[in-house]
Amino acid sequence: MAIDAATRAFLDLTDGEIAAWAQARAAAIDLTLSEATLAAVHENLSLLRTQTALFVAALSEHADEPAPAFEP
């Protein structure tokens, strides 16, 4: 599965790099993260990175298969 450069960079982060990445991204969009929220933000970003990696891997495994028909 092809993913964009920003997503690839996010997936390539280590747990130790999440905090610096979050601060840089927040600064880029002029967002201030309060000290009280930093730990939770970093934890959530680490979880999101893990979930995204699993999702991309699952899609890649089934890339050659036709999508199942949607049934509500």
Protein backbone atom coordinates (compact mmCIF):
# COMPACT_ATOMS: atom_id res chain seq x y z
CA MET A 1 0.00 0.00 0.00
CA ALA A 2 1.37 3.40 -0.94
CA ILE A 3 1.20 6.00 1.80
CA ASP A 4 2.11 9.67 1.71
CA ALA A 5 5.41 11.03 3.03
CA ALA A 6 3.88 12.62 6.14
CA THR A 7 2.24 9.34 7.18
CA ARG A 8 5.47 7.42 6.51
CA ALA A 9 7.42 9.90 8.65
CA PHE A 10 4.84 9.51 11.45
CA LEU A 11 5.03 5.72 11.27
CA ASP A 12 8.83 5.82 11.36
CA LEU A 13 8.90 7.72 14.67
CA THR A 14 10.05 5.89 17.77
CA ASP A 15 8.28 6.25 21.11
CA GLY A 16 11.14 8.49 22.20
CA GLU A 17 10.64 10.81 19.23
CA ILE A 18 6.88 11.31 19.67
CA ALA A 19 7.21 14.17 22.19
CA ALA A 20 9.52 16.26 20.01
CA TRP A 21 7.40 15.55 16.93
CA ALA A 22 4.21 16.58 18.76
CA GLN A 23 5.78 19.83 19.93
CA ALA A 24 7.02 20.62 16.42
CA ARG A 25 3.64 19.86 14.84
CA ALA A 26 1.81 21.92 17.46
CA ALA A 27 4.16 24.85 16.85
CA ALA A 28 3.66 24.53 13.09
CA ILE A 29 -0.07 25.10 13.48
CA ASP A 30 0.29 27.66 16.28
CA LEU A 31 -1.16 25.33 18.92
CA THR A 32 -0.05 25.46 22.53
CA LEU A 33 -0.09 22.18 24.40
CA SER A 34 -0.44 22.73 28.12
CA GLU A 35 1.89 20.91 30.49
CA ALA A 36 -1.12 19.14 32.00
CA THR A 37 -1.98 17.51 28.67
CA LEU A 38 1.48 16.59 27.33
CA ALA A 39 1.70 13.08 28.75
CA ALA A 40 -1.76 12.15 27.49
CA VAL A 41 -1.12 13.69 24.06
CA HIS A 42 2.13 11.74 23.70
CA GLU A 43 0.48 8.50 24.82
CA ASN A 44 -2.41 8.99 22.39
CA LEU A 45 -0.03 9.74 19.52
CA SER A 46 1.97 6.59 20.30
CA LEU A 47 -1.24 4.54 20.25
CA LEU A 48 -2.37 6.20 17.04
CA ARG A 49 0.98 5.41 15.42
CA THR A 50 0.68 1.76 16.42
CA GLN A 51 -2.91 1.53 15.16
CA THR A 52 -2.00 3.21 11.89
CA ALA A 53 0.88 0.79 11.35
CA LEU A 54 -1.44 -2.18 11.93
CA PHE A 55 -4.06 -0.74 9.57
CA VAL A 56 -1.50 -0.09 6.80
CA ALA A 57 -0.07 -3.59 7.23
CA ALA A 58 -3.52 -5.18 7.06
CA LEU A 59 -4.41 -3.24 3.92
CA SER A 60 -1.10 -4.16 2.32
CA GLU A 61 -1.69 -7.85 3.00
CA HIS A 62 -4.99 -7.72 1.12
CA ALA A 63 -4.05 -5.25 -1.61
CA ASP A 64 -4.53 -7.79 -4.41
CA GLU A 65 -7.92 -8.99 -3.21
CA PRO A 66 -11.16 -7.42 -4.39
CA ALA A 67 -12.96 -5.38 -1.76
CA PRO A 68 -15.91 -7.19 -0.22
CA ALA A 69 -19.36 -5.90 -1.07
CA PHE A 70 -20.82 -3.61 1.56
CA GLU A 71 -23.79 -5.08 3.38
CA PRO A 72 -25.51 -2.93 5.99
